Amino acid sequence: MADSLTLELADFEHDVHTGIYSEETGRPQPLRFTVQVRFRCPPERFVPETPLSASKNYMDLKFACSEALGDTHYQLIEAVADHVCETLFLQDERVEAVTVKIVKLALSEADEKIGITLHRDRR
């Protein structure tokens, strides 16, 4: 079995246009993202001189959860997670699977975490 590498962006907050209720629409709301990307490793080992091109830039994960979402209004956070997955798959053919967890911060009343987790394998 080949090695794989999991890259992670945890607890990244970004405002996204999402929601179906009148109090949610018309302005962005804060979402907290945790993204894990399973990445196919190169056949050689990682050594001190290994260049970034042998892995994936962590900033690509952050970009998928921010600028790549644009100003589009997503009714469901499931659609936001789907867009993040597809962005990461399109960025790099070595991405084998993506897991996106999104917490809707504006819904919390007692510090509970309300949200979804979407896992997608490359098809």
PDB file of N, CA and C in Angstrom:
ATOM      1  N   MET A   1       0.846  -1.176   0.000  1.00  0.00           N
ATOM      2  CA  MET A   1       0.000   0.000   0.000  1.00  0.00           C
ATOM      3  C   MET A   1       0.897   1.248   0.000  1.00  0.00           C
ATOM      4  N   ALA A   2       0.540   2.222  -0.780  1.00  0.00           N
ATOM      5  CA  ALA A   2       1.311   3.457  -0.883  1.00  0.00           C
ATOM      6  C   ALA A   2       1.094   4.346   0.335  1.00  0.00           C
ATOM      7  N   ASP A   3       2.115   5.119   0.640  1.00  0.00           N
ATOM      8  CA  ASP A   3       1.986   6.096   1.725  1.00  0.00           C
ATOM      9  C   ASP A   3       1.039   7.209   1.305  1.00  0.00           C
ATOM     10  N   SER A   4       0.433   7.826   2.298  1.00  0.00           N
ATOM     11  CA  SER A   4      -0.352   9.026   2.036  1.00  0.00           C
ATOM     12  C   SER A   4      -0.036  10.024   3.136  1.00  0.00           C
ATOM     13  N   LEU A   5      -0.300  11.263   2.837  1.00  0.00           N
ATOM     14  CA  LEU A   5      -0.031  12.364   3.751  1.00  0.00           C
ATOM     15  C   LEU A   5      -1.340  13.103   3.958  1.00  0.00           C
ATOM     16  N   THR A   6      -1.658  13.449   5.196  1.00  0.00           N
ATOM     17  CA  THR A   6      -2.847  14.247   5.465  1.00  0.00           C
ATOM     18  C   THR A   6      -2.409  15.644   5.867  1.00  0.00           C
ATOM     19  N   LEU A   7      -2.823  16.618   5.062  1.00  0.00           N
ATOM     20  CA  LEU A   7      -2.582  18.022   5.383  1.00  0.00           C
ATOM     21  C   LEU A   7      -3.844  18.546   6.059  1.00  0.00           C
ATOM     22  N   GLU A   8      -3.685  19.474   6.988  1.00  0.00           N
ATOM     23  CA  GLU A   8      -4.853  19.952   7.732  1.00  0.00           C
ATOM     24  C   GLU A   8      -4.791  21.458   7.959  1.00  0.00           C
ATOM     25  N   LEU A   9      -5.944  22.063   7.809  1.00  0.00           N
ATOM     26  CA  LEU A   9      -6.194  23.442   8.209  1.00  0.00           C
ATOM     27  C   LEU A   9      -7.275  23.349   9.281  1.00  0.00           C
ATOM     28  N   ALA A  10      -6.987  23.807  10.488  1.00  0.00           N
ATOM     29  CA  ALA A  10      -7.937  23.643  11.592  1.00  0.00           C
ATOM     30  C   ALA A  10      -8.399  24.995  12.120  1.00  0.00           C
ATOM     31  N   ASP A  11      -9.711  25.076  12.361  1.00  0.00           N
ATOM     32  CA  ASP A  11     -10.320  26.228  13.027  1.00  0.00           C
ATOM     33  C   ASP A  11     -10.074  27.553  12.310  1.00  0.00           C
ATOM     34  N   PHE A  12     -10.131  27.514  10.994  1.00  0.00           N
ATOM     35  CA  PHE A  12      -9.999  28.721  10.185  1.00  0.00           C
ATOM     36  C   PHE A  12     -11.369  29.383  10.067  1.00  0.00           C
ATOM     37  N   GLU A  13     -11.470  30.655  10.406  1.00  0.00           N
ATOM     38  CA  GLU A  13     -12.747  31.360  10.357  1.00  0.00           C
ATOM     39  C   GLU A  13     -12.776  32.309   9.168  1.00  0.00           C
ATOM     40  N   HIS A  14     -13.916  32.283   8.464  1.00  0.00           N
ATOM     41  CA  HIS A  14     -14.105  33.158   7.305  1.00  0.00           C
ATOM     42  C   HIS A  14     -15.598  33.456   7.159  1.00  0.00           C
ATOM     43  N   ASP A  15     -15.921  34.678   6.778  1.00  0.00           N
ATOM     44  CA  ASP A  15     -17.316  35.066   6.554  1.00  0.00           C
ATOM     45  C   ASP A  15     -17.746  34.627   5.163  1.00  0.00           C
ATOM     46  N   VAL A  16     -18.897  33.953   5.097  1.00  0.00           N
ATOM     47  CA  VAL A  16     -19.415  33.412   3.840  1.00  0.00           C
ATOM     48  C   VAL A  16     -20.892  33.768   3.729  1.00  0.00           C
ATOM     49  N   HIS A  17     -21.333  34.081   2.521  1.00  0.00           N
ATOM     50  CA  HIS A  17     -22.760  34.320   2.270  1.00  0.00           C
ATOM     51  C   HIS A  17     -23.459  32.967   2.235  1.00  0.00           C
ATOM     52  N   THR A  18     -24.209  32.660   3.285  1.00  0.00           N
ATOM     53  CA  THR A  18     -24.899  31.384   3.363  1.00  0.00           C
ATOM     54  C   THR A  18     -26.143  31.517   4.228  1.00  0.00           C
ATOM     55  N   GLY A  19     -27.076  30.617   4.024  1.00  0.00           N
ATOM     56  CA  GLY A  19     -28.277  30.582   4.844  1.00  0.00           C
ATOM     57  C   GLY A  19     -29.541  30.631   4.012  1.00  0.00           C
ATOM     58  N   ILE A  20     -30.639  30.182   4.640  1.00  0.00           N
ATOM     59  CA  ILE A  20     -31.938  30.183   3.964  1.00  0.00           C
ATOM     60  C   ILE A  20     -32.952  31.082   4.658  1.00  0.00           C
ATOM     61  N   TYR A  21     -32.693  31.438   5.898  1.00  0.00           N
ATOM     62  CA  TYR A  21     -33.639  32.259   6.645  1.00  0.00           C
ATOM     63  C   TYR A  21     -33.339  33.740   6.441  1.00  0.00           C
ATOM     64  N   SER A  22     -34.365  34.571   6.546  1.00  0.00           N
ATOM     65  CA  SER A  22     -34.209  35.996   6.266  1.00  0.00           C
ATOM     66  C   SER A  22     -33.135  36.656   7.139  1.00  0.00           C
ATOM     67  N   GLU A  23     -32.988  36.186   8.373  1.00  0.00           N
ATOM     68  CA  GLU A  23     -31.965  36.777   9.241  1.00  0.00           C
ATOM     69  C   GLU A  23     -30.546  36.356   8.847  1.00  0.00           C
ATOM     70  N   GLU A  24     -30.431  35.362   7.960  1.00  0.00           N
ATOM     71  CA  GLU A  24     -29.112  34.896   7.511  1.00  0.00           C
ATOM     72  C   GLU A  24     -28.714  35.486   6.155  1.00  0.00           C
ATOM     73  N   THR A  25     -29.678  35.819   5.348  1.00  0.00           N
ATOM     74  CA  THR A  25     -29.368  36.261   3.989  1.00  0.00           C
ATOM     75  C   THR A  25     -29.061  37.750   3.944  1.00  0.00           C
ATOM     76  N   GLY A  26     -28.372  38.167   2.908  1.00  0.00           N
ATOM     77  CA  GLY A  26     -28.076  39.574   2.724  1.00  0.00           C
ATOM     78  C   GLY A  26     -26.754  40.027   3.318  1.00  0.00           C
ATOM     79  N   ARG A  27     -26.184  39.226   4.169  1.00  0.00           N
ATOM     80  CA  ARG A  27     -24.871  39.566   4.729  1.00  0.00           C
ATOM     81  C   ARG A  27     -24.120  38.264   5.020  1.00  0.00           C
ATOM     82  N   PRO A  28     -22.819  38.309   4.949  1.00  0.00           N
ATOM     83  CA  PRO A  28     -22.056  37.089   5.231  1.00  0.00           C
ATOM     84  C   PRO A  28     -22.129  36.733   6.715  1.00  0.00           C
ATOM     85  N   GLN A  29     -21.972  35.445   6.998  1.00  0.00           N
ATOM     86  CA  GLN A  29     -21.933  35.015   8.389  1.00  0.00           C
ATOM     87  C   GLN A  29     -20.664  34.201   8.638  1.00  0.00           C
ATOM     88  N   PRO A  30     -20.181  34.219   9.868  1.00  0.00           N
ATOM     89  CA  PRO A  30     -18.923  33.551  10.166  1.00  0.00           C
ATOM     90  C   PRO A  30     -19.077  32.023  10.196  1.00  0.00           C
ATOM     91  N   LEU A  31     -18.143  31.372   9.513  1.00  0.00           N
ATOM     92  CA  LEU A  31     -18.062  29.914   9.529  1.00  0.00           C
ATOM     93  C   LEU A  31     -16.670  29.519  10.010  1.00  0.00           C
ATOM     94  N   ARG A  32     -16.585  28.415  10.715  1.00  0.00           N
ATOM     95  CA  ARG A  32     -15.289  27.869  11.131  1.00  0.00           C
ATOM     96  C   ARG A  32     -15.039  26.585  10.342  1.00  0.00           C
ATOM     97  N   PHE A  33     -13.915  26.559   9.640  1.00  0.00           N
ATOM     98  CA  PHE A  33     -13.552  25.437   8.782  1.00  0.00           C
ATOM     99  C   PHE A  33     -12.420  24.618   9.392  1.00  0.00           C
ATOM    100  N   THR A  34     -12.544  23.309   9.297  1.00  0.00           N
ATOM    101  CA  THR A  34     -11.426  22.398   9.490  1.00  0.00           C
ATOM    102  C   THR A  34     -11.405  21.517   8.255  1.00  0.00           C
ATOM    103  N   VAL A  35     -10.269  21.496   7.566  1.00  0.00           N
ATOM    104  CA  VAL A  35     -10.153  20.770   6.302  1.00  0.00           C
ATOM    105  C   VAL A  35      -8.984  19.801   6.394  1.00  0.00           C
ATOM    106  N   GLN A  36      -9.243  18.566   6.021  1.00  0.00           N
ATOM    107  CA  GLN A  36      -8.184  17.565   5.909  1.00  0.00           C
ATOM    108  C   GLN A  36      -8.132  17.092   4.465  1.00  0.00           C
ATOM    109  N   VAL A  37      -6.912  17.034   3.934  1.00  0.00           N
ATOM    110  CA  VAL A  37      -6.694  16.609   2.556  1.00  0.00           C
ATOM    111  C   VAL A  37      -5.749  15.416   2.585  1.00  0.00           C
ATOM    112  N   ARG A  38      -6.236  14.266   2.108  1.00  0.00           N
ATOM    113  CA  ARG A  38      -5.356  13.103   1.961  1.00  0.00           C
ATOM    114  C   ARG A  38      -4.655  13.227   0.621  1.00  0.00           C
ATOM    115  N   PHE A  39      -3.362  13.175   0.679  1.00  0.00           N
ATOM    116  CA  PHE A  39      -2.510  13.511  -0.451  1.00  0.00           C
ATOM    117  C   PHE A  39      -1.598  12.327  -0.761  1.00  0.00           C
ATOM    118  N   ARG A  40      -1.500  11.973  -2.026  1.00  0.00           N
ATOM    119  CA  ARG A  40      -0.614  10.885  -2.446  1.00  0.00           C
ATOM    120  C   ARG A  40       0.841  11.337  -2.318  1.00  0.00           C
ATOM    121  N   CYS A  41       1.613  10.594  -1.567  1.00  0.00           N
ATOM    122  CA  CYS A  41       3.020  10.940  -1.346  1.00  0.00           C
ATOM    123  C   CYS A  41       3.869  10.562  -2.552  1.00  0.00           C
ATOM    124  N   PRO A  42       4.975  11.272  -2.715  1.00  0.00           N
ATOM    125  CA  PRO A  42       5.925  10.857  -3.744  1.00  0.00           C
ATOM    126  C   PRO A  42       6.569   9.538  -3.321  1.00  0.00           C
ATOM    127  N   PRO A  43       7.119   8.784  -4.263  1.00  0.00           N
ATOM    128  CA  PRO A  43       7.709   7.486  -3.917  1.00  0.00           C
ATOM    129  C   PRO A  43       8.943   7.607  -3.012  1.00  0.00           C
ATOM    130  N   GLU A  44       9.640   8.726  -3.094  1.00  0.00           N
ATOM    131  CA  GLU A  44      10.818   8.907  -2.241  1.00  0.00           C
ATOM    132  C   GLU A  44      10.408   9.495  -0.893  1.00  0.00           C
ATOM    133  N   ARG A  45      11.278   9.370   0.075  1.00  0.00           N
ATOM    134  CA  ARG A  45      11.005   9.874   1.416  1.00  0.00           C
ATOM    135  C   ARG A  45      11.191  11.390   1.467  1.00  0.00           C
ATOM    136  N   PHE A  46      10.572  12.003   2.461  1.00  0.00           N
ATOM    137  CA  PHE A  46      10.778  13.432   2.697  1.00  0.00           C
ATOM    138  C   PHE A  46      12.091  13.605   3.457  1.00  0.00           C
ATOM    139  N   VAL A  47      12.974  14.382   2.895  1.00  0.00           N
ATOM    140  CA  VAL A  47      14.270  14.667   3.507  1.00  0.00           C
ATOM    141  C   VAL A  47      14.379  16.181   3.690  1.00  0.00           C
ATOM    142  N   PRO A  48      15.376  16.653   4.432  1.00  0.00           N
ATOM    143  CA  PRO A  48      15.458  18.097   4.664  1.00  0.00           C
ATOM    144  C   PRO A  48      15.445  18.950   3.397  1.00  0.00           C
ATOM    145  N   GLU A  49      15.940  18.433   2.284  1.00  0.00           N
ATOM    146  CA  GLU A  49      16.020  19.213   1.046  1.00  0.00           C
ATOM    147  C   GLU A  49      14.796  19.047   0.140  1.00  0.00           C
ATOM    148  N   THR A  50      13.801  18.304   0.578  1.00  0.00           N
ATOM    149  CA  THR A  50      12.631  18.065  -0.260  1.00  0.00           C
ATOM    150  C   THR A  50      11.944  19.397  -0.588  1.00  0.00           C
ATOM    151  N   PRO A  51      11.690  19.676  -1.871  1.00  0.00           N
ATOM    152  CA  PRO A  51      11.050  20.937  -2.246  1.00  0.00           C
ATOM    153  C   PRO A  51       9.538  20.909  -1.965  1.00  0.00           C
ATOM    154  N   LEU A  52       8.949  22.090  -1.887  1.00  0.00           N
ATOM    155  CA  LEU A  52       7.512  22.212  -1.650  1.00  0.00           C
ATOM    156  C   LEU A  52       6.698  21.482  -2.710  1.00  0.00           C
ATOM    157  N   SER A  53       7.186  21.410  -3.921  1.00  0.00           N
ATOM    158  CA  SER A  53       6.445  20.756  -5.009  1.00  0.00           C
ATOM    159  C   SER A  53       6.192  19.269  -4.739  1.00  0.00           C
ATOM    160  N   ALA A  54       6.910  18.670  -3.791  1.00  0.00           N
ATOM    161  CA  ALA A  54       6.686  17.268  -3.443  1.00  0.00           C
ATOM    162  C   ALA A  54       5.469  17.106  -2.541  1.00  0.00           C
ATOM    163  N   SER A  55       4.981  18.202  -2.005  1.00  0.00           N
ATOM    164  CA  SER A  55       3.809  18.173  -1.135  1.00  0.00           C
ATOM    165  C   SER A  55       2.779  19.143  -1.691  1.00  0.00           C
ATOM    166  N   LYS A  56       1.997  19.739  -0.817  1.00  0.00           N
ATOM    167  CA  LYS A  56       0.991  20.720  -1.219  1.00  0.00           C
ATOM    168  C   LYS A  56       1.113  21.920  -0.305  1.00  0.00           C
ATOM    169  N   ASN A  57       0.985  23.090  -0.861  1.00  0.00           N
ATOM    170  CA  ASN A  57       1.071  24.301  -0.075  1.00  0.00           C
ATOM    171  C   ASN A  57      -0.156  24.400   0.834  1.00  0.00           C
ATOM    172  N   TYR A  58       0.065  24.565   2.126  1.00  0.00           N
ATOM    173  CA  TYR A  58      -1.038  24.676   3.076  1.00  0.00           C
ATOM    174  C   TYR A  58      -1.943  25.860   2.764  1.00  0.00           C
ATOM    175  N   MET A  59      -1.390  26.888   2.154  1.00  0.00           N
ATOM    176  CA  MET A  59      -2.186  28.065   1.822  1.00  0.00           C
ATOM    177  C   MET A  59      -3.271  27.732   0.792  1.00  0.00           C
ATOM    178  N   ASP A  60      -3.103  26.656   0.019  1.00  0.00           N
ATOM    179  CA  ASP A  60      -4.145  26.224  -0.913  1.00  0.00           C
ATOM    180  C   ASP A  60      -5.414  25.821  -0.160  1.00  0.00           C
ATOM    181  N   LEU A  61      -5.256  25.225   1.017  1.00  0.00           N
ATOM    182  CA  LEU A  61      -6.416  24.846   1.828  1.00  0.00           C
ATOM    183  C   LEU A  61      -7.151  26.089   2.319  1.00  0.00           C
ATOM    184  N   LYS A  62      -6.372  27.066   2.749  1.00  0.00           N
ATOM    185  CA  LYS A  62      -6.962  28.324   3.231  1.00  0.00           C
ATOM    186  C   LYS A  62      -7.683  29.044   2.089  1.00  0.00           C
ATOM    187  N   PHE A  63      -7.072  29.085   0.911  1.00  0.00           N
ATOM    188  CA  PHE A  63      -7.674  29.716  -0.264  1.00  0.00           C
ATOM    189  C   PHE A  63      -9.016  29.065  -0.605  1.00  0.00           C
ATOM    190  N   ALA A  64      -9.105  27.739  -0.532  1.00  0.00           N
ATOM    191  CA  ALA A  64     -10.345  27.023  -0.869  1.00  0.00           C
ATOM    192  C   ALA A  64     -11.490  27.387   0.076  1.00  0.00           C
ATOM    193  N   CYS A  65     -11.157  27.818   1.290  1.00  0.00           N
ATOM    194  CA  CYS A  65     -12.169  28.178   2.291  1.00  0.00           C
ATOM    195  C   CYS A  65     -12.409  29.679   2.371  1.00  0.00           C
ATOM    196  N   SER A  66     -11.778  30.430   1.489  1.00  0.00           N
ATOM    197  CA  SER A  66     -11.938  31.883   1.551  1.00  0.00           C
ATOM    198  C   SER A  66     -12.153  32.457   0.153  1.00  0.00           C
ATOM    199  N   GLU A  67     -11.106  32.899  -0.499  1.00  0.00           N
ATOM    200  CA  GLU A  67     -11.241  33.584  -1.788  1.00  0.00           C
ATOM    201  C   GLU A  67     -11.940  32.735  -2.851  1.00  0.00           C
ATOM    202  N   ALA A  68     -11.719  31.428  -2.844  1.00  0.00           N
ATOM    203  CA  ALA A  68     -12.332  30.569  -3.863  1.00  0.00           C
ATOM    204  C   ALA A  68     -13.857  30.527  -3.751  1.00  0.00           C
ATOM    205  N   LEU A  69     -14.402  30.847  -2.585  1.00  0.00           N
ATOM    206  CA  LEU A  69     -15.858  30.848  -2.407  1.00  0.00           C
ATOM    207  C   LEU A  69     -16.499  32.089  -3.021  1.00  0.00           C
ATOM    208  N   GLY A  70     -15.715  33.138  -3.186  1.00  0.00           N
ATOM    209  CA  GLY A  70     -16.225  34.355  -3.815  1.00  0.00           C
ATOM    210  C   GLY A  70     -17.356  34.986  -3.037  1.00  0.00           C
ATOM    211  N   ASP A  71     -18.223  35.700  -3.758  1.00  0.00           N
ATOM    212  CA  ASP A  71     -19.382  36.356  -3.156  1.00  0.00           C
ATOM    213  C   ASP A  71     -20.677  35.600  -3.419  1.00  0.00           C
ATOM    214  N   THR A  72     -20.558  34.370  -3.886  1.00  0.00           N
ATOM    215  CA  THR A  72     -21.731  33.538  -4.150  1.00  0.00           C
ATOM    216  C   THR A  72     -22.494  33.304  -2.852  1.00  0.00           C
ATOM    217  N   HIS A  73     -23.835  33.295  -2.951  1.00  0.00           N
ATOM    218  CA  HIS A  73     -24.657  32.939  -1.797  1.00  0.00           C
ATOM    219  C   HIS A  73     -24.951  31.444  -1.862  1.00  0.00           C
ATOM    220  N   TYR A  74     -24.555  30.727  -0.830  1.00  0.00           N
ATOM    221  CA  TYR A  74     -24.793  29.290  -0.720  1.00  0.00           C
ATOM    222  C   TYR A  74     -25.939  29.095   0.269  1.00  0.00           C
ATOM    223  N   GLN A  75     -27.029  28.506  -0.180  1.00  0.00           N
ATOM    224  CA  GLN A  75     -28.149  28.299   0.743  1.00  0.00           C
ATOM    225  C   GLN A  75     -27.745  27.363   1.879  1.00  0.00           C
ATOM    226  N   LEU A  76     -27.037  26.288   1.542  1.00  0.00           N
ATOM    227  CA  LEU A  76     -26.656  25.288   2.538  1.00  0.00           C
ATOM    228  C   LEU A  76     -25.149  25.285   2.744  1.00  0.00           C
ATOM    229  N   ILE A  77     -24.713  25.040   3.984  1.00  0.00           N
ATOM    230  CA  ILE A  77     -23.276  24.922   4.209  1.00  0.00           C
ATOM    231  C   ILE A  77     -22.736  23.639   3.576  1.00  0.00           C
ATOM    232  N   GLU A  78     -23.622  22.701   3.291  1.00  0.00           N
ATOM    233  CA  GLU A  78     -23.197  21.511   2.543  1.00  0.00           C
ATOM    234  C   GLU A  78     -22.655  21.917   1.172  1.00  0.00           C
ATOM    235  N   ALA A  79     -23.285  22.922   0.550  1.00  0.00           N
ATOM    236  CA  ALA A  79     -22.808  23.411  -0.753  1.00  0.00           C
ATOM    237  C   ALA A  79     -21.471  24.135  -0.611  1.00  0.00           C
ATOM    238  N   VAL A  80     -21.262  24.803   0.501  1.00  0.00           N
ATOM    239  CA  VAL A  80     -19.970  25.440   0.764  1.00  0.00           C
ATOM    240  C   VAL A  80     -18.890  24.363   0.862  1.00  0.00           C
ATOM    241  N   ALA A  81     -19.168  23.306   1.632  1.00  0.00           N
ATOM    242  CA  ALA A  81     -18.211  22.206   1.791  1.00  0.00           C
ATOM    243  C   ALA A  81     -17.935  21.531   0.453  1.00  0.00           C
ATOM    244  N   ASP A  82     -18.971  21.350  -0.348  1.00  0.00           N
ATOM    245  CA  ASP A  82     -18.806  20.741  -1.667  1.00  0.00           C
ATOM    246  C   ASP A  82     -17.876  21.575  -2.538  1.00  0.00           C
ATOM    247  N   HIS A  83     -18.053  22.892  -2.511  1.00  0.00           N
ATOM    248  CA  HIS A  83     -17.209  23.789  -3.301  1.00  0.00           C
ATOM    249  C   HIS A  83     -15.750  23.720  -2.846  1.00  0.00           C
ATOM    250  N   VAL A  84     -15.538  23.643  -1.534  1.00  0.00           N
ATOM    251  CA  VAL A  84     -14.176  23.511  -1.002  1.00  0.00           C
ATOM    252  C   VAL A  84     -13.539  22.218  -1.514  1.00  0.00           C
ATOM    253  N   CYS A  85     -14.274  21.113  -1.449  1.00  0.00           N
ATOM    254  CA  CYS A  85     -13.758  19.823  -1.943  1.00  0.00           C
ATOM    255  C   CYS A  85     -13.375  19.921  -3.411  1.00  0.00           C
ATOM    256  N   GLU A  86     -14.282  20.416  -4.221  1.00  0.00           N
ATOM    257  CA  GLU A  86     -14.027  20.479  -5.663  1.00  0.00           C
ATOM    258  C   GLU A  86     -12.856  21.400  -5.987  1.00  0.00           C
ATOM    259  N   THR A  87     -12.727  22.506  -5.267  1.00  0.00           N
ATOM    260  CA  THR A  87     -11.602  23.409  -5.476  1.00  0.00           C
ATOM    261  C   THR A  87     -10.285  22.685  -5.221  1.00  0.00           C
ATOM    262  N   LEU A  88     -10.227  21.931  -4.128  1.00  0.00           N
ATOM    263  CA  LEU A  88      -8.993  21.227  -3.783  1.00  0.00           C
ATOM    264  C   LEU A  88      -8.682  20.099  -4.771  1.00  0.00           C
ATOM    265  N   PHE A  89      -9.708  19.407  -5.246  1.00  0.00           N
ATOM    266  CA  PHE A  89      -9.481  18.366  -6.260  1.00  0.00           C
ATOM    267  C   PHE A  89      -8.966  18.973  -7.564  1.00  0.00           C
ATOM    268  N   LEU A  90      -9.507  20.119  -7.944  1.00  0.00           N
ATOM    269  CA  LEU A  90      -9.079  20.766  -9.187  1.00  0.00           C
ATOM    270  C   LEU A  90      -7.664  21.333  -9.085  1.00  0.00           C
ATOM    271  N   GLN A  91      -7.265  21.741  -7.896  1.00  0.00           N
ATOM    272  CA  GLN A  91      -5.939  22.326  -7.713  1.00  0.00           C
ATOM    273  C   GLN A  91      -4.812  21.326  -7.946  1.00  0.00           C
ATOM    274  N   ASP A  92      -5.062  20.059  -7.568  1.00  0.00           N
ATOM    275  CA  ASP A  92      -3.948  19.110  -7.562  1.00  0.00           C
ATOM    276  C   ASP A  92      -4.465  17.687  -7.742  1.00  0.00           C
ATOM    277  N   GLU A  93      -4.002  17.015  -8.772  1.00  0.00           N
ATOM    278  CA  GLU A  93      -4.466  15.648  -9.052  1.00  0.00           C
ATOM    279  C   GLU A  93      -3.972  14.639  -8.016  1.00  0.00           C
ATOM    280  N   ARG A  94      -3.017  15.028  -7.189  1.00  0.00           N
ATOM    281  CA  ARG A  94      -2.521  14.124  -6.141  1.00  0.00           C
ATOM    282  C   ARG A  94      -3.428  14.074  -4.914  1.00  0.00           C
ATOM    283  N   VAL A  95      -4.417  14.972  -4.849  1.00  0.00           N
ATOM    284  CA  VAL A  95      -5.379  14.954  -3.739  1.00  0.00           C
ATOM    285  C   VAL A  95      -6.301  13.753  -3.940  1.00  0.00           C
ATOM    286  N   GLU A  96      -6.296  12.857  -2.959  1.00  0.00           N
ATOM    287  CA  GLU A  96      -7.095  11.629  -3.048  1.00  0.00           C
ATOM    288  C   GLU A  96      -8.450  11.745  -2.354  1.00  0.00           C
ATOM    289  N   ALA A  97      -8.513  12.531  -1.272  1.00  0.00           N
ATOM    290  CA  ALA A  97      -9.753  12.669  -0.507  1.00  0.00           C
ATOM    291  C   ALA A  97      -9.705  13.973   0.276  1.00  0.00           C
ATOM    292  N   VAL A  98     -10.893  14.520   0.518  1.00  0.00           N
ATOM    293  CA  VAL A  98     -11.009  15.768   1.274  1.00  0.00           C
ATOM    294  C   VAL A  98     -12.125  15.599   2.305  1.00  0.00           C
ATOM    295  N   THR A  99     -11.860  16.067   3.515  1.00  0.00           N
ATOM    296  CA  THR A  99     -12.874  16.130   4.564  1.00  0.00           C
ATOM    297  C   THR A  99     -12.987  17.590   4.999  1.00  0.00           C
ATOM    298  N   VAL A 100     -14.216  18.107   4.972  1.00  0.00           N
ATOM    299  CA  VAL A 100     -14.466  19.498   5.348  1.00  0.00           C
ATOM    300  C   VAL A 100     -15.480  19.513   6.484  1.00  0.00           C
ATOM    301  N   LYS A 101     -15.091  20.111   7.591  1.00  0.00           N
ATOM    302  CA  LYS A 101     -15.996  20.310   8.725  1.00  0.00           C
ATOM    303  C   LYS A 101     -16.276  21.803   8.799  1.00  0.00           C
ATOM    304  N   ILE A 102     -17.556  22.159   8.872  1.00  0.00           N
ATOM    305  CA  ILE A 102     -17.957  23.559   8.969  1.00  0.00           C
ATOM    306  C   ILE A 102     -18.875  23.730  10.180  1.00  0.00           C
ATOM    307  N   VAL A 103     -18.543  24.728  10.991  1.00  0.00           N
ATOM    308  CA  VAL A 103     -19.372  25.088  12.142  1.00  0.00           C
ATOM    309  C   VAL A 103     -19.927  26.479  11.880  1.00  0.00           C
ATOM    310  N   LYS A 104     -21.260  26.628  12.050  1.00  0.00           N
ATOM    311  CA  LYS A 104     -21.921  27.933  11.884  1.00  0.00           C
ATOM    312  C   LYS A 104     -21.852  28.662  13.221  1.00  0.00           C
ATOM    313  N   LEU A 105     -20.959  29.620  13.296  1.00  0.00           N
ATOM    314  CA  LEU A 105     -20.705  30.311  14.564  1.00  0.00           C
ATOM    315  C   LEU A 105     -21.875  31.185  15.006  1.00  0.00           C
ATOM    316  N   ALA A 106     -22.621  31.738  14.073  1.00  0.00           N
ATOM    317  CA  ALA A 106     -23.723  32.639  14.424  1.00  0.00           C
ATOM    318  C   ALA A 106     -24.883  31.916  15.097  1.00  0.00           C
ATOM    319  N   LEU A 107     -24.976  30.600  14.959  1.00  0.00           N
ATOM    320  CA  LEU A 107     -26.088  29.855  15.560  1.00  0.00           C
ATOM    321  C   LEU A 107     -25.841  29.460  17.008  1.00  0.00           C
ATOM    322  N   SER A 108     -24.621  29.555  17.463  1.00  0.00           N
ATOM    323  CA  SER A 108     -24.275  29.108  18.806  1.00  0.00           C
ATOM    324  C   SER A 108     -24.909  30.013  19.862  1.00  0.00           C
ATOM    325  N   GLU A 109     -25.585  29.395  20.819  1.00  0.00           N
ATOM    326  CA  GLU A 109     -26.183  30.144  21.923  1.00  0.00           C
ATOM    327  C   GLU A 109     -25.487  29.841  23.243  1.00  0.00           C
ATOM    328  N   ALA A 110     -24.930  28.646  23.347  1.00  0.00           N
ATOM    329  CA  ALA A 110     -24.280  28.233  24.597  1.00  0.00           C
ATOM    330  C   ALA A 110     -22.950  27.550  24.282  1.00  0.00           C
ATOM    331  N   ASP A 111     -22.235  28.085  23.308  1.00  0.00           N
ATOM    332  CA  ASP A 111     -20.932  27.581  22.885  1.00  0.00           C
ATOM    333  C   ASP A 111     -20.995  26.174  22.278  1.00  0.00           C
ATOM    334  N   GLU A 112     -22.200  25.750  21.847  1.00  0.00           N
ATOM    335  CA  GLU A 112     -22.293  24.462  21.159  1.00  0.00           C
ATOM    336  C   GLU A 112     -21.783  24.616  19.726  1.00  0.00           C
ATOM    337  N   LYS A 113     -21.417  23.514  19.132  1.00  0.00           N
ATOM    338  CA  LYS A 113     -20.878  23.512  17.770  1.00  0.00           C
ATOM    339  C   LYS A 113     -21.936  22.916  16.837  1.00  0.00           C
ATOM    340  N   ILE A 114     -22.524  23.749  15.985  1.00  0.00           N
ATOM    341  CA  ILE A 114     -23.567  23.316  15.062  1.00  0.00           C
ATOM    342  C   ILE A 114     -23.014  23.382  13.651  1.00  0.00           C
ATOM    343  N   GLY A 115     -23.019  22.247  12.954  1.00  0.00           N
ATOM    344  CA  GLY A 115     -22.479  22.251  11.604  1.00  0.00           C
ATOM    345  C   GLY A 115     -22.526  20.890  10.943  1.00  0.00           C
ATOM    346  N   ILE A 116     -21.651  20.713   9.973  1.00  0.00           N
ATOM    347  CA  ILE A 116     -21.625  19.489   9.174  1.00  0.00           C
ATOM    348  C   ILE A 116     -20.186  19.058   8.915  1.00  0.00           C
ATOM    349  N   THR A 117     -20.040  17.800   8.533  1.00  0.00           N
ATOM    350  CA  THR A 117     -18.768  17.283   8.035  1.00  0.00           C
ATOM    351  C   THR A 117     -19.058  16.534   6.747  1.00  0.00           C
ATOM    352  N   LEU A 118     -18.349  16.907   5.682  1.00  0.00           N
ATOM    353  CA  LEU A 118     -18.482  16.242   4.387  1.00  0.00           C
ATOM    354  C   LEU A 118     -17.152  15.596   4.051  1.00  0.00           C
ATOM    355  N   HIS A 119     -17.191  14.325   3.720  1.00  0.00           N
ATOM    356  CA  HIS A 119     -15.987  13.610   3.266  1.00  0.00           C
ATOM    357  C   HIS A 119     -16.223  13.210   1.807  1.00  0.00           C
ATOM    358  N   ARG A 120     -15.259  13.494   0.962  1.00  0.00           N
ATOM    359  CA  ARG A 120     -15.387  13.124  -0.439  1.00  0.00           C
ATOM    360  C   ARG A 120     -14.077  12.516  -0.922  1.00  0.00           C
ATOM    361  N   ASP A 121     -14.178  11.342  -1.555  1.00  0.00           N
ATOM    362  CA  ASP A 121     -13.045  10.712  -2.220  1.00  0.00           C
ATOM    363  C   ASP A 121     -13.047  11.149  -3.669  1.00  0.00           C
ATOM    364  N   ARG A 122     -11.854  11.241  -4.253  1.00  0.00           N
ATOM    365  CA  ARG A 122     -11.755  11.592  -5.667  1.00  0.00           C
ATOM    366  C   ARG A 122     -12.503  10.533  -6.484  1.00  0.00           C
ATOM    367  N   ARG A 123     -13.287  10.983  -7.444  1.00  0.00           N
ATOM    368  CA  ARG A 123     -14.060  10.066  -8.282  1.00  0.00           C
ATOM    369  C   ARG A 123     -13.373   9.872  -9.605  1.00  0.00           C
TER     370      ARG A 123
END
